[in-house]
Structure formats: structure tokens, C-alpha cells
Amino acid sequence: MASELHRERLDTVVRHLLDRGASRVLDLGCGPGELLQRLAAHPQFSRIVGIDIDAEALAAARLALGLDRPDHACGVQLRCGSFEEVDRELAGFDAATLVETIEHIDPRRLSKVEHAVFAGMRPSTVLVTTPNEEYNALHGMVPGQFRHRGHRFEWKRARFQQWARGVAARHGYAVSFSDIGPVDPLRGSSTQMAQFIVSPPLDCDTQMKERTNPDSQAR
């Protein structure tokens, strides 16, 4: 079940990126490169950069992608490092993904990740997936049990949406939410996803209307 869910998760992310027309993509917390392999199979993605702090995971990604073969034609670049710090070389990409990544980060450091990704790198689209804690009981887990020993937290849907809406409001993004995996009427799906899209700047006429219309300001 877990591998089937993971495949659906990766396929969902790729489909969203294709639909958004992204060509330059950052995979933040790329691990052994499962998403990178899927992205590399689509010619739409002209530049793909995977970043992870785990050197062993990156070595596995290099092997899976065949980057060390002299004849490789894969357009994927791997970088060892943290995405808690602003890296100007990674600014302006079409999209960034954090697939099952944020739950591995100490909650006290999430604000640094938020600043680096949404203010520093500022991709046009950001996709974030994370476990839905409410669904854990349907996986046969006991209260307080995490799905992976490396998880620092797992959020219920309301908490995840609260965080995502705060991030969107602070950095000028619109955010929407999707379920990944079978949906339970009470507990939702096993994986929850937020899709952040940069809000277009207001044109001059709209800005003037908002300044002069008290009703619009109240909203």
C-alpha cells in the first residue's frame, strides 16, 4: 500500500507541474531521486535541480539517474546542501517541490525554510506534500506514532492548511489543497498537498479602486 501511495504521490506532483507548464524545477529534499527520474522522462522539463543534505541519498540518486555514465543524457543537476538558506543561484525557477519533506524539519526551523523558499528562491509554483496525521489510524497506527522515524511532526489537515495559508499570505501566493490517495469521509486522505501559485501583481486601476473603495479594503 505504501509503495502504491508513493507512486500516486509522485505521479500527482508530475501531473501538476506539467499542467502548470513548468520547465525549470527544483526538487527540495530530493532523496534518492525518485521524482527526479520521473521529471527527466518529460522533455518539458529543461532544467531540473535536486537538492538534499544527505550525501548517501544523493549518491543513490546519481546512480539511479546514471549521472556518472559517460554517455548519460540526463539533464538533472544534484546539489548537496540545505534549503534553509537563501541561494540566489536557485532564484526564479518555474516550480519547486517539497515532497514528504517538511515533516523531517524541526518545527522551529520551518520559518527559515519558508523564507529561503518563498522569499529567496520564489518559484512561480510550489508543491508541498505531507502526511495527514488523521489518516494514521487507518494505517493501523497508534496515537502519537509517526510513519517514519525521521519525522519531527505530522499534521492534521486543519493545522497544515493554517500553516500553508499563513505562508501564502506572507509571501504573495495563492494556495489550494488536494487529497492524494483514497479519501475517507471523516479522515481525509493519507497524503495532503498544498499548491502555492504566485499571485499576479495588481494593475494600477485595481490598486486605485482598492485604495478608494472602503468595502474592498474591509474584505
N, C-alpha and C. Protein backbone atom coordinates (compact mmCIF):
# COMPACT_ATOMS: atom_id res chain seq x y z
N MET A 1 0.83 -1.21 0.00
CA MET A 1 0.00 0.00 0.00
C MET A 1 0.86 1.26 0.00
N ALA A 2 1.95 1.24 0.81
CA ALA A 2 2.79 2.43 0.91
C ALA A 2 3.43 2.75 -0.44
N SER A 3 3.93 1.71 -1.15
CA SER A 3 4.58 1.97 -2.43
C SER A 3 3.56 2.45 -3.47
N GLU A 4 2.35 1.90 -3.41
CA GLU A 4 1.31 2.35 -4.33
C GLU A 4 0.95 3.81 -4.07
N LEU A 5 0.84 4.17 -2.79
CA LEU A 5 0.55 5.56 -2.43
C LEU A 5 1.69 6.47 -2.88
N HIS A 6 2.93 6.01 -2.70
CA HIS A 6 4.07 6.84 -3.08
C HIS A 6 4.09 7.08 -4.59
N ARG A 7 3.78 6.05 -5.35
CA ARG A 7 3.71 6.23 -6.81
C ARG A 7 2.63 7.24 -7.18
N GLU A 8 1.48 7.13 -6.54
CA GLU A 8 0.40 8.08 -6.83
C GLU A 8 0.83 9.49 -6.46
N ARG A 9 1.53 9.62 -5.34
CA ARG A 9 2.02 10.93 -4.89
C ARG A 9 2.95 11.55 -5.93
N LEU A 10 3.92 10.77 -6.39
CA LEU A 10 4.87 11.28 -7.38
C LEU A 10 4.18 11.61 -8.69
N ASP A 11 3.29 10.74 -9.14
CA ASP A 11 2.58 10.98 -10.39
C ASP A 11 1.71 12.23 -10.31
N THR A 12 1.11 12.45 -9.14
CA THR A 12 0.28 13.64 -8.96
C THR A 12 1.12 14.91 -9.05
N VAL A 13 2.28 14.89 -8.44
CA VAL A 13 3.17 16.05 -8.49
C VAL A 13 3.62 16.32 -9.92
N VAL A 14 4.02 15.29 -10.64
CA VAL A 14 4.46 15.48 -12.02
C VAL A 14 3.32 16.04 -12.86
N ARG A 15 2.12 15.51 -12.68
CA ARG A 15 0.98 15.99 -13.46
C ARG A 15 0.71 17.47 -13.19
N HIS A 16 0.79 17.89 -11.94
CA HIS A 16 0.58 19.31 -11.62
C HIS A 16 1.65 20.18 -12.28
N LEU A 17 2.89 19.72 -12.26
CA LEU A 17 3.96 20.50 -12.88
C LEU A 17 3.77 20.60 -14.39
N LEU A 18 3.36 19.51 -15.01
CA LEU A 18 3.09 19.54 -16.45
C LEU A 18 1.95 20.50 -16.76
N ASP A 19 0.89 20.43 -15.97
CA ASP A 19 -0.27 21.30 -16.19
C ASP A 19 0.09 22.77 -16.00
N ARG A 20 1.02 23.05 -15.11
CA ARG A 20 1.44 24.44 -14.87
C ARG A 20 2.37 24.95 -15.96
N GLY A 21 2.85 24.06 -16.82
CA GLY A 21 3.77 24.47 -17.87
C GLY A 21 5.17 24.75 -17.38
N ALA A 22 5.53 24.20 -16.23
CA ALA A 22 6.86 24.43 -15.66
C ALA A 22 7.93 23.77 -16.53
N SER A 23 9.07 24.43 -16.67
CA SER A 23 10.19 23.83 -17.39
C SER A 23 11.44 23.75 -16.51
N ARG A 24 11.57 24.67 -15.55
CA ARG A 24 12.73 24.66 -14.64
C ARG A 24 12.21 24.33 -13.24
N VAL A 25 12.67 23.21 -12.69
CA VAL A 25 12.07 22.68 -11.47
C VAL A 25 13.15 22.38 -10.43
N LEU A 26 12.89 22.78 -9.20
CA LEU A 26 13.72 22.43 -8.05
C LEU A 26 13.01 21.33 -7.26
N ASP A 27 13.74 20.27 -6.94
CA ASP A 27 13.21 19.24 -6.05
C ASP A 27 13.97 19.36 -4.73
N LEU A 28 13.33 19.95 -3.73
CA LEU A 28 13.97 20.25 -2.46
C LEU A 28 13.75 19.08 -1.50
N GLY A 29 14.85 18.44 -1.11
CA GLY A 29 14.75 17.21 -0.35
C GLY A 29 14.51 16.05 -1.29
N CYS A 30 15.35 15.97 -2.32
CA CYS A 30 15.10 15.03 -3.43
C CYS A 30 15.35 13.58 -3.05
N GLY A 31 16.10 13.33 -1.96
CA GLY A 31 16.36 11.96 -1.56
C GLY A 31 17.04 11.16 -2.65
N PRO A 32 16.66 9.90 -2.84
CA PRO A 32 17.33 9.05 -3.84
C PRO A 32 16.89 9.29 -5.27
N GLY A 33 16.09 10.32 -5.51
CA GLY A 33 15.84 10.75 -6.88
C GLY A 33 14.64 10.16 -7.58
N GLU A 34 13.66 9.67 -6.82
CA GLU A 34 12.50 9.05 -7.48
C GLU A 34 11.70 10.06 -8.29
N LEU A 35 11.47 11.24 -7.74
CA LEU A 35 10.76 12.27 -8.50
C LEU A 35 11.63 12.77 -9.66
N LEU A 36 12.92 12.92 -9.43
CA LEU A 36 13.82 13.39 -10.47
C LEU A 36 13.78 12.48 -11.69
N GLN A 37 13.73 11.18 -11.46
CA GLN A 37 13.66 10.24 -12.59
C GLN A 37 12.40 10.46 -13.41
N ARG A 38 11.28 10.69 -12.75
CA ARG A 38 10.04 10.93 -13.47
C ARG A 38 10.10 12.24 -14.25
N LEU A 39 10.67 13.27 -13.63
CA LEU A 39 10.77 14.56 -14.32
C LEU A 39 11.67 14.46 -15.54
N ALA A 40 12.77 13.73 -15.40
CA ALA A 40 13.73 13.61 -16.50
C ALA A 40 13.14 12.91 -17.72
N ALA A 41 12.06 12.16 -17.52
CA ALA A 41 11.43 11.44 -18.62
C ALA A 41 10.56 12.35 -19.49
N HIS A 42 10.35 13.60 -19.07
CA HIS A 42 9.48 14.51 -19.82
C HIS A 42 10.32 15.64 -20.43
N PRO A 43 10.30 15.81 -21.74
CA PRO A 43 11.10 16.86 -22.37
C PRO A 43 10.68 18.27 -21.97
N GLN A 44 9.48 18.43 -21.41
CA GLN A 44 9.04 19.76 -20.98
C GLN A 44 9.98 20.35 -19.93
N PHE A 45 10.58 19.48 -19.11
CA PHE A 45 11.43 19.96 -18.02
C PHE A 45 12.86 20.10 -18.53
N SER A 46 13.25 21.32 -18.82
CA SER A 46 14.54 21.58 -19.44
C SER A 46 15.67 21.73 -18.44
N ARG A 47 15.32 22.11 -17.21
CA ARG A 47 16.35 22.21 -16.16
C ARG A 47 15.76 21.66 -14.86
N ILE A 48 16.43 20.68 -14.29
CA ILE A 48 15.95 20.02 -13.08
C ILE A 48 17.11 19.99 -12.09
N VAL A 49 16.87 20.51 -10.89
CA VAL A 49 17.90 20.53 -9.86
C VAL A 49 17.35 19.85 -8.61
N GLY A 50 18.06 18.83 -8.15
CA GLY A 50 17.69 18.15 -6.91
C GLY A 50 18.64 18.53 -5.81
N ILE A 51 18.09 18.83 -4.64
CA ILE A 51 18.90 19.27 -3.50
C ILE A 51 18.57 18.41 -2.30
N ASP A 52 19.60 17.96 -1.62
CA ASP A 52 19.41 17.20 -0.39
C ASP A 52 20.65 17.35 0.48
N ILE A 53 20.45 17.26 1.78
CA ILE A 53 21.58 17.38 2.71
C ILE A 53 22.25 16.05 2.97
N ASP A 54 21.61 14.96 2.53
CA ASP A 54 22.09 13.60 2.78
C ASP A 54 22.94 13.14 1.60
N ALA A 55 24.25 13.03 1.83
CA ALA A 55 25.17 12.66 0.75
C ALA A 55 24.90 11.25 0.25
N GLU A 56 24.50 10.33 1.13
CA GLU A 56 24.21 8.96 0.70
C GLU A 56 22.99 8.92 -0.21
N ALA A 57 21.97 9.71 0.13
CA ALA A 57 20.78 9.75 -0.72
C ALA A 57 21.13 10.31 -2.10
N LEU A 58 21.99 11.33 -2.13
CA LEU A 58 22.39 11.91 -3.41
C LEU A 58 23.21 10.91 -4.24
N ALA A 59 24.03 10.12 -3.57
CA ALA A 59 24.79 9.09 -4.29
C ALA A 59 23.85 8.07 -4.92
N ALA A 60 22.79 7.73 -4.19
CA ALA A 60 21.79 6.81 -4.75
C ALA A 60 21.07 7.45 -5.92
N ALA A 61 20.81 8.75 -5.84
CA ALA A 61 20.15 9.46 -6.94
C ALA A 61 21.05 9.49 -8.17
N ARG A 62 22.34 9.75 -7.97
CA ARG A 62 23.28 9.77 -9.09
C ARG A 62 23.29 8.42 -9.81
N LEU A 63 23.26 7.35 -9.00
CA LEU A 63 23.27 6.01 -9.59
C LEU A 63 21.98 5.74 -10.35
N ALA A 64 20.85 6.09 -9.74
CA ALA A 64 19.55 5.83 -10.37
C ALA A 64 19.39 6.62 -11.67
N LEU A 65 19.94 7.83 -11.70
CA LEU A 65 19.82 8.68 -12.87
C LEU A 65 20.92 8.42 -13.91
N GLY A 66 21.91 7.64 -13.53
CA GLY A 66 23.01 7.34 -14.45
C GLY A 66 23.90 8.53 -14.72
N LEU A 67 24.04 9.42 -13.73
CA LEU A 67 24.80 10.65 -13.98
C LEU A 67 26.29 10.42 -14.11
N ASP A 68 26.78 9.29 -13.62
CA ASP A 68 28.22 9.01 -13.71
C ASP A 68 28.59 8.25 -14.97
N ARG A 69 27.60 7.88 -15.77
CA ARG A 69 27.91 7.19 -17.02
C ARG A 69 28.40 8.21 -18.05
N PRO A 70 29.43 7.90 -18.81
CA PRO A 70 29.96 8.86 -19.79
C PRO A 70 28.96 9.22 -20.88
N ASP A 71 28.00 8.32 -21.12
CA ASP A 71 27.05 8.57 -22.19
C ASP A 71 25.71 9.11 -21.69
N HIS A 72 25.65 9.52 -20.43
CA HIS A 72 24.36 9.94 -19.89
C HIS A 72 23.87 11.21 -20.58
N ALA A 73 22.58 11.28 -20.79
CA ALA A 73 21.98 12.45 -21.43
C ALA A 73 20.92 13.07 -20.52
N CYS A 74 21.05 12.80 -19.24
CA CYS A 74 20.05 13.28 -18.27
C CYS A 74 20.36 14.73 -17.91
N GLY A 75 19.36 15.59 -18.00
CA GLY A 75 19.57 17.00 -17.70
C GLY A 75 19.30 17.37 -16.26
N VAL A 76 19.71 16.50 -15.34
CA VAL A 76 19.46 16.72 -13.93
C VAL A 76 20.76 17.11 -13.24
N GLN A 77 20.70 18.12 -12.40
CA GLN A 77 21.84 18.52 -11.58
C GLN A 77 21.52 18.21 -10.13
N LEU A 78 22.50 17.67 -9.41
CA LEU A 78 22.33 17.38 -7.98
C LEU A 78 23.23 18.29 -7.16
N ARG A 79 22.68 18.75 -6.04
CA ARG A 79 23.45 19.62 -5.15
C ARG A 79 23.28 19.15 -3.73
N CYS A 80 24.39 19.06 -3.00
CA CYS A 80 24.35 18.70 -1.59
C CYS A 80 24.30 19.98 -0.77
N GLY A 81 23.25 20.13 0.00
CA GLY A 81 23.14 21.34 0.80
C GLY A 81 21.76 21.47 1.41
N SER A 82 21.61 22.53 2.18
CA SER A 82 20.35 22.81 2.88
C SER A 82 19.56 23.85 2.11
N PHE A 83 18.25 23.74 2.17
CA PHE A 83 17.41 24.80 1.59
C PHE A 83 16.80 25.65 2.70
N GLU A 84 17.51 25.74 3.83
CA GLU A 84 17.14 26.69 4.87
C GLU A 84 17.80 28.04 4.66
N GLU A 85 18.77 28.08 3.74
CA GLU A 85 19.50 29.32 3.46
C GLU A 85 19.17 29.81 2.06
N VAL A 86 19.09 31.11 1.89
CA VAL A 86 18.80 31.69 0.59
C VAL A 86 19.98 31.47 -0.35
N ASP A 87 19.72 30.90 -1.50
CA ASP A 87 20.73 30.69 -2.53
C ASP A 87 20.26 31.39 -3.80
N ARG A 88 20.89 32.49 -4.13
CA ARG A 88 20.45 33.30 -5.27
C ARG A 88 20.55 32.54 -6.59
N GLU A 89 21.41 31.53 -6.67
CA GLU A 89 21.52 30.76 -7.90
C GLU A 89 20.25 29.94 -8.16
N LEU A 90 19.45 29.76 -7.12
CA LEU A 90 18.24 28.96 -7.26
C LEU A 90 16.99 29.83 -7.35
N ALA A 91 17.17 31.11 -7.53
CA ALA A 91 16.02 32.02 -7.62
C ALA A 91 15.43 32.00 -9.02
N GLY A 92 14.12 32.18 -9.08
CA GLY A 92 13.45 32.38 -10.36
C GLY A 92 13.06 31.12 -11.10
N PHE A 93 13.09 29.96 -10.47
CA PHE A 93 12.65 28.74 -11.14
C PHE A 93 11.13 28.77 -11.33
N ASP A 94 10.67 27.98 -12.26
CA ASP A 94 9.23 27.90 -12.50
C ASP A 94 8.49 27.21 -11.36
N ALA A 95 9.15 26.23 -10.76
CA ALA A 95 8.47 25.45 -9.72
C ALA A 95 9.47 24.85 -8.76
N ALA A 96 9.00 24.58 -7.55
CA ALA A 96 9.77 23.85 -6.55
C ALA A 96 8.85 22.83 -5.90
N THR A 97 9.40 21.69 -5.54
CA THR A 97 8.62 20.66 -4.87
C THR A 97 9.27 20.33 -3.53
N LEU A 98 8.44 20.10 -2.53
CA LEU A 98 8.88 19.56 -1.24
C LEU A 98 7.96 18.36 -0.97
N VAL A 99 8.38 17.21 -1.45
CA VAL A 99 7.55 16.01 -1.39
C VAL A 99 7.93 15.20 -0.15
N GLU A 100 7.01 15.12 0.81
CA GLU A 100 7.27 14.42 2.07
C GLU A 100 8.58 14.90 2.69
N THR A 101 8.72 16.21 2.78
CA THR A 101 9.96 16.83 3.23
C THR A 101 9.79 17.64 4.51
N ILE A 102 8.76 18.48 4.57
CA ILE A 102 8.69 19.42 5.70
C ILE A 102 8.59 18.71 7.03
N GLU A 103 7.99 17.51 7.07
CA GLU A 103 7.82 16.81 8.34
C GLU A 103 9.15 16.29 8.91
N HIS A 104 10.21 16.34 8.10
CA HIS A 104 11.54 15.96 8.58
C HIS A 104 12.30 17.14 9.18
N ILE A 105 11.70 18.31 9.15
CA ILE A 105 12.36 19.54 9.61
C ILE A 105 11.87 19.89 11.01
N ASP A 106 12.79 20.27 11.88
CA ASP A 106 12.41 20.74 13.21
C ASP A 106 11.43 21.91 13.04
N PRO A 107 10.27 21.84 13.68
CA PRO A 107 9.29 22.93 13.51
C PRO A 107 9.85 24.31 13.80
N ARG A 108 10.85 24.39 14.67
CA ARG A 108 11.45 25.69 14.99
C ARG A 108 12.24 26.25 13.82
N ARG A 109 12.55 25.41 12.83
CA ARG A 109 13.33 25.85 11.68
C ARG A 109 12.48 26.03 10.42
N LEU A 110 11.21 25.77 10.54
CA LEU A 110 10.34 25.91 9.37
C LEU A 110 10.31 27.34 8.84
N SER A 111 10.43 28.31 9.75
CA SER A 111 10.40 29.70 9.30
C SER A 111 11.61 30.01 8.41
N LYS A 112 12.76 29.38 8.67
CA LYS A 112 13.93 29.59 7.81
C LYS A 112 13.71 28.98 6.43
N VAL A 113 13.11 27.79 6.40
CA VAL A 113 12.80 27.17 5.12
C VAL A 113 11.80 28.03 4.35
N GLU A 114 10.78 28.50 5.05
CA GLU A 114 9.78 29.37 4.42
C GLU A 114 10.44 30.58 3.79
N HIS A 115 11.32 31.24 4.53
CA HIS A 115 11.96 32.45 4.00
C HIS A 115 12.85 32.12 2.80
N ALA A 116 13.63 31.04 2.90
CA ALA A 116 14.53 30.70 1.81
C ALA A 116 13.78 30.34 0.54
N VAL A 117 12.69 29.56 0.69
CA VAL A 117 11.97 29.06 -0.49
C VAL A 117 11.05 30.14 -1.06
N PHE A 118 10.19 30.70 -0.22
CA PHE A 118 9.12 31.56 -0.72
C PHE A 118 9.56 33.02 -0.91
N ALA A 119 10.55 33.47 -0.15
CA ALA A 119 11.03 34.84 -0.32
C ALA A 119 12.31 34.90 -1.13
N GLY A 120 13.23 33.93 -0.90
CA GLY A 120 14.52 33.95 -1.60
C GLY A 120 14.47 33.33 -2.97
N MET A 121 14.12 32.05 -3.04
CA MET A 121 14.04 31.37 -4.34
C MET A 121 12.82 31.83 -5.14
N ARG A 122 11.71 31.96 -4.47
CA ARG A 122 10.46 32.48 -5.04
C ARG A 122 10.09 31.86 -6.39
N PRO A 123 9.94 30.55 -6.45
CA PRO A 123 9.44 29.94 -7.69
C PRO A 123 7.98 30.31 -7.93
N SER A 124 7.56 30.24 -9.17
CA SER A 124 6.18 30.60 -9.50
C SER A 124 5.17 29.64 -8.89
N THR A 125 5.55 28.36 -8.78
CA THR A 125 4.70 27.33 -8.20
C THR A 125 5.49 26.55 -7.16
N VAL A 126 4.87 26.27 -6.04
CA VAL A 126 5.49 25.41 -5.02
C VAL A 126 4.48 24.32 -4.65
N LEU A 127 4.90 23.08 -4.71
CA LEU A 127 4.05 21.95 -4.32
C LEU A 127 4.63 21.32 -3.05
N VAL A 128 3.79 21.20 -2.04
CA VAL A 128 4.22 20.62 -0.75
C VAL A 128 3.29 19.47 -0.41
N THR A 129 3.84 18.27 -0.22
CA THR A 129 3.05 17.15 0.26
C THR A 129 3.55 16.74 1.63
N THR A 130 2.64 16.24 2.46
CA THR A 130 3.00 15.82 3.81
C THR A 130 1.94 14.83 4.31
N PRO A 131 2.29 13.96 5.25
CA PRO A 131 1.29 13.02 5.77
C PRO A 131 0.13 13.74 6.47
N ASN A 132 -1.03 13.15 6.37
CA ASN A 132 -2.19 13.60 7.11
C ASN A 132 -2.30 12.75 8.38
N GLU A 133 -2.03 13.36 9.52
CA GLU A 133 -1.99 12.62 10.79
C GLU A 133 -3.32 11.95 11.10
N GLU A 134 -4.42 12.55 10.65
CA GLU A 134 -5.74 11.99 10.93
C GLU A 134 -5.92 10.60 10.32
N TYR A 135 -5.20 10.34 9.23
CA TYR A 135 -5.36 9.08 8.50
C TYR A 135 -4.55 7.94 9.11
N ASN A 136 -3.67 8.25 10.04
CA ASN A 136 -2.75 7.24 10.56
C ASN A 136 -3.47 6.04 11.17
N ALA A 137 -4.61 6.29 11.79
CA ALA A 137 -5.36 5.18 12.39
C ALA A 137 -5.77 4.15 11.34
N LEU A 138 -6.04 4.62 10.12
CA LEU A 138 -6.43 3.70 9.04
C LEU A 138 -5.24 2.92 8.51
N HIS A 139 -4.03 3.36 8.86
CA HIS A 139 -2.82 2.58 8.55
C HIS A 139 -2.47 1.63 9.70
N GLY A 140 -3.36 1.54 10.70
CA GLY A 140 -3.11 0.64 11.82
C GLY A 140 -2.15 1.19 12.85
N MET A 141 -1.97 2.51 12.88
CA MET A 141 -1.02 3.12 13.80
C MET A 141 -1.72 3.58 15.07
N VAL A 142 -0.95 3.67 16.15
CA VAL A 142 -1.50 4.11 17.43
C VAL A 142 -1.29 5.62 17.55
N PRO A 143 -2.10 6.32 18.37
CA PRO A 143 -1.94 7.76 18.54
C PRO A 143 -0.51 8.13 18.96
N GLY A 144 0.03 9.15 18.30
CA GLY A 144 1.38 9.60 18.61
C GLY A 144 2.47 8.90 17.81
N GLN A 145 2.11 7.85 17.10
CA GLN A 145 3.10 7.14 16.29
C GLN A 145 3.29 7.85 14.96
N PHE A 146 4.56 8.01 14.54
CA PHE A 146 4.86 8.63 13.26
C PHE A 146 5.10 7.56 12.21
N ARG A 147 4.91 7.92 10.95
CA ARG A 147 5.07 6.97 9.85
C ARG A 147 6.54 6.65 9.56
N HIS A 148 7.42 7.55 9.96
CA HIS A 148 8.85 7.36 9.70
C HIS A 148 9.61 7.88 10.91
N ARG A 149 10.68 7.18 11.25
CA ARG A 149 11.44 7.58 12.45
C ARG A 149 12.11 8.94 12.30
N GLY A 150 12.26 9.39 11.06
CA GLY A 150 12.87 10.70 10.84
C GLY A 150 11.90 11.86 10.88
N HIS A 151 10.62 11.60 11.06
CA HIS A 151 9.64 12.68 11.11
C HIS A 151 9.73 13.43 12.43
N ARG A 152 9.66 14.75 12.33
CA ARG A 152 9.66 15.59 13.54
C ARG A 152 8.24 15.96 13.96
N PHE A 153 7.32 15.85 13.03
CA PHE A 153 5.90 16.12 13.31
C PHE A 153 5.07 15.52 12.20
N GLU A 154 3.80 15.35 12.43
CA GLU A 154 2.81 15.03 11.40
C GLU A 154 1.56 15.82 11.74
N TRP A 155 1.02 16.53 10.74
CA TRP A 155 -0.06 17.50 10.99
C TRP A 155 -1.41 16.97 10.55
N LYS A 156 -2.41 17.36 11.31
CA LYS A 156 -3.78 17.19 10.86
C LYS A 156 -4.07 18.20 9.75
N ARG A 157 -5.17 17.99 9.05
CA ARG A 157 -5.48 18.84 7.89
C ARG A 157 -5.63 20.31 8.28
N ALA A 158 -6.30 20.58 9.38
CA ALA A 158 -6.53 21.97 9.77
C ALA A 158 -5.21 22.67 10.07
N ARG A 159 -4.29 21.97 10.72
CA ARG A 159 -3.00 22.58 11.06
C ARG A 159 -2.17 22.83 9.81
N PHE A 160 -2.15 21.88 8.90
CA PHE A 160 -1.41 22.05 7.65
C PHE A 160 -1.96 23.22 6.85
N GLN A 161 -3.27 23.30 6.76
CA GLN A 161 -3.88 24.39 6.00
C GLN A 161 -3.66 25.74 6.67
N GLN A 162 -3.64 25.76 7.99
CA GLN A 162 -3.34 27.00 8.70
C GLN A 162 -1.93 27.48 8.37
N TRP A 163 -0.98 26.55 8.42
CA TRP A 163 0.41 26.91 8.09
C TRP A 163 0.52 27.38 6.65
N ALA A 164 -0.07 26.64 5.72
CA ALA A 164 0.05 26.95 4.30
C ALA A 164 -0.58 28.30 3.97
N ARG A 165 -1.72 28.58 4.56
CA ARG A 165 -2.37 29.88 4.30
C ARG A 165 -1.54 31.03 4.87
N GLY A 166 -0.91 30.81 6.00
CA GLY A 166 -0.04 31.83 6.55
C GLY A 166 1.14 32.10 5.65
N VAL A 167 1.77 31.04 5.15
CA VAL A 167 2.89 31.20 4.21
C VAL A 167 2.45 31.96 2.97
N ALA A 168 1.31 31.56 2.41
CA ALA A 168 0.81 32.21 1.19
C ALA A 168 0.56 33.69 1.42
N ALA A 169 -0.06 34.03 2.54
CA ALA A 169 -0.38 35.43 2.83
C ALA A 169 0.88 36.26 3.04
N ARG A 170 1.88 35.67 3.66
CA ARG A 170 3.11 36.43 3.95
C ARG A 170 3.95 36.68 2.71
N HIS A 171 3.79 35.87 1.66
CA HIS A 171 4.71 35.95 0.52
C HIS A 171 4.03 36.18 -0.82
N GLY A 172 2.75 36.47 -0.82
CA GLY A 172 2.08 36.82 -2.07
C GLY A 172 1.77 35.64 -2.96
N TYR A 173 1.35 34.54 -2.38
CA TYR A 173 0.94 33.36 -3.14
C TYR A 173 -0.54 33.10 -2.88
N ALA A 174 -1.18 32.45 -3.83
CA ALA A 174 -2.49 31.83 -3.60
C ALA A 174 -2.23 30.35 -3.33
N VAL A 175 -3.05 29.73 -2.46
CA VAL A 175 -2.83 28.34 -2.11
C VAL A 175 -4.12 27.56 -2.22
N SER A 176 -4.01 26.33 -2.72
CA SER A 176 -5.15 25.40 -2.79
C SER A 176 -4.68 24.05 -2.29
N PHE A 177 -5.63 23.17 -1.97
CA PHE A 177 -5.29 21.91 -1.32
C PHE A 177 -5.89 20.73 -2.08
N SER A 178 -5.17 19.62 -2.07
CA SER A 178 -5.60 18.41 -2.76
C SER A 178 -5.38 17.19 -1.87
N ASP A 179 -6.20 16.16 -2.10
CA ASP A 179 -6.01 14.87 -1.45
C ASP A 179 -5.26 13.95 -2.38
N ILE A 180 -4.37 13.13 -1.82
CA ILE A 180 -3.67 12.11 -2.60
C ILE A 180 -3.89 10.77 -1.90
N GLY A 181 -4.41 9.82 -2.64
CA GLY A 181 -4.75 8.52 -2.08
C GLY A 181 -6.24 8.42 -1.81
N PRO A 182 -6.71 7.21 -1.46
CA PRO A 182 -8.13 7.03 -1.17
C PRO A 182 -8.59 7.99 -0.07
N VAL A 183 -9.79 8.53 -0.25
CA VAL A 183 -10.31 9.53 0.68
C VAL A 183 -11.33 8.89 1.62
N ASP A 184 -11.10 9.03 2.91
CA ASP A 184 -12.05 8.61 3.93
C ASP A 184 -12.96 9.79 4.24
N PRO A 185 -14.28 9.58 4.36
CA PRO A 185 -15.18 10.72 4.57
C PRO A 185 -14.92 11.49 5.86
N LEU A 186 -14.33 10.86 6.85
CA LEU A 186 -14.06 11.55 8.12
C LEU A 186 -12.60 11.98 8.27
N ARG A 187 -11.68 11.20 7.74
CA ARG A 187 -10.26 11.44 7.99
C ARG A 187 -9.50 12.00 6.80
N GLY A 188 -10.16 12.15 5.69
CA GLY A 188 -9.47 12.67 4.51
C GLY A 188 -8.61 11.61 3.86
N SER A 189 -7.52 12.02 3.22
CA SER A 189 -6.64 11.10 2.51
C SER A 189 -5.34 10.93 3.29
N SER A 190 -4.56 9.93 2.90
CA SER A 190 -3.31 9.67 3.60
C SER A 190 -2.29 10.78 3.41
N THR A 191 -2.24 11.32 2.20
CA THR A 191 -1.32 12.42 1.89
C THR A 191 -2.12 13.67 1.56
N GLN A 192 -1.66 14.79 2.09
CA GLN A 192 -2.29 16.08 1.77
C GLN A 192 -1.28 16.94 1.01
N MET A 193 -1.78 17.71 0.06
CA MET A 193 -0.89 18.54 -0.76
C MET A 193 -1.40 19.97 -0.82
N ALA A 194 -0.45 20.89 -0.73
CA ALA A 194 -0.74 22.31 -0.95
C ALA A 194 -0.05 22.76 -2.23
N GLN A 195 -0.79 23.48 -3.07
CA GLN A 195 -0.22 24.05 -4.29
C GLN A 195 -0.22 25.56 -4.14
N PHE A 196 0.98 26.14 -4.08
CA PHE A 196 1.15 27.58 -3.97
C PHE A 196 1.45 28.15 -5.36
N ILE A 197 0.75 29.20 -5.73
CA ILE A 197 0.98 29.86 -7.02
C ILE A 197 1.13 31.34 -6.75
N VAL A 198 2.18 31.93 -7.32
CA VAL A 198 2.42 33.36 -7.10
C VAL A 198 1.22 34.17 -7.57
N SER A 199 0.73 35.03 -6.70
CA SER A 199 -0.40 35.88 -7.06
C SER A 199 0.08 36.96 -8.02
N PRO A 200 -0.66 37.19 -9.12
CA PRO A 200 -0.23 38.25 -10.05
C PRO A 200 -0.33 39.61 -9.37
N PRO A 201 0.61 40.51 -9.69
CA PRO A 201 0.53 41.85 -9.10
C PRO A 201 -0.72 42.58 -9.57
N LEU A 202 -1.27 43.39 -8.70
CA LEU A 202 -2.45 44.18 -9.06
C LEU A 202 -2.06 45.25 -10.07
N ASP A 203 -2.92 45.44 -11.08
CA ASP A 203 -2.65 46.53 -12.02
C ASP A 203 -3.00 47.85 -11.35
N CYS A 204 -2.60 48.94 -11.98
CA CYS A 204 -2.77 50.26 -11.38
C CYS A 204 -4.24 50.59 -11.10
N ASP A 205 -5.13 50.21 -12.03
CA ASP A 205 -6.55 50.51 -11.84
C ASP A 205 -7.10 49.78 -10.62
N THR A 206 -6.72 48.51 -10.47
CA THR A 206 -7.21 47.74 -9.33
C THR A 206 -6.68 48.30 -8.03
N GLN A 207 -5.39 48.67 -8.00
CA GLN A 207 -4.83 49.24 -6.79
C GLN A 207 -5.56 50.52 -6.42
N MET A 208 -5.88 51.36 -7.42
CA MET A 208 -6.57 52.62 -7.14
C MET A 208 -7.96 52.36 -6.57
N LYS A 209 -8.67 51.36 -7.15
CA LYS A 209 -10.01 51.03 -6.66
C LYS A 209 -9.96 50.56 -5.22
N GLU A 210 -8.93 49.74 -4.87
CA GLU A 210 -8.85 49.23 -3.51
C GLU A 210 -8.53 50.35 -2.52
N ARG A 211 -7.78 51.35 -2.98
CA ARG A 211 -7.46 52.47 -2.09
C ARG A 211 -8.68 53.33 -1.81
N THR A 212 -9.56 53.44 -2.82
CA THR A 212 -10.67 54.38 -2.73
C THR A 212 -11.99 53.72 -2.34
N ASN A 213 -12.06 52.37 -2.34
CA ASN A 213 -13.28 51.67 -2.05
C ASN A 213 -13.21 51.03 -0.66
N PRO A 214 -13.87 51.60 0.32
CA PRO A 214 -13.79 51.06 1.69
C PRO A 214 -14.27 49.62 1.77
N ASP A 215 -15.27 49.23 0.94
CA ASP A 215 -15.79 47.87 1.01
C ASP A 215 -14.72 46.85 0.64
N SER A 216 -13.91 47.15 -0.41
CA SER A 216 -12.88 46.23 -0.83
C SER A 216 -11.81 46.11 0.23
N GLN A 217 -11.47 47.20 0.93
CA GLN A 217 -10.48 47.15 1.98
C GLN A 217 -10.97 46.33 3.16
N ALA A 218 -12.27 46.42 3.44
CA ALA A 218 -12.83 45.66 4.56
C ALA A 218 -12.76 44.18 4.31
N ARG A 219 -12.89 43.79 3.03
CA ARG A 219 -12.80 42.37 2.71
C ARG A 219 -11.40 41.87 2.90
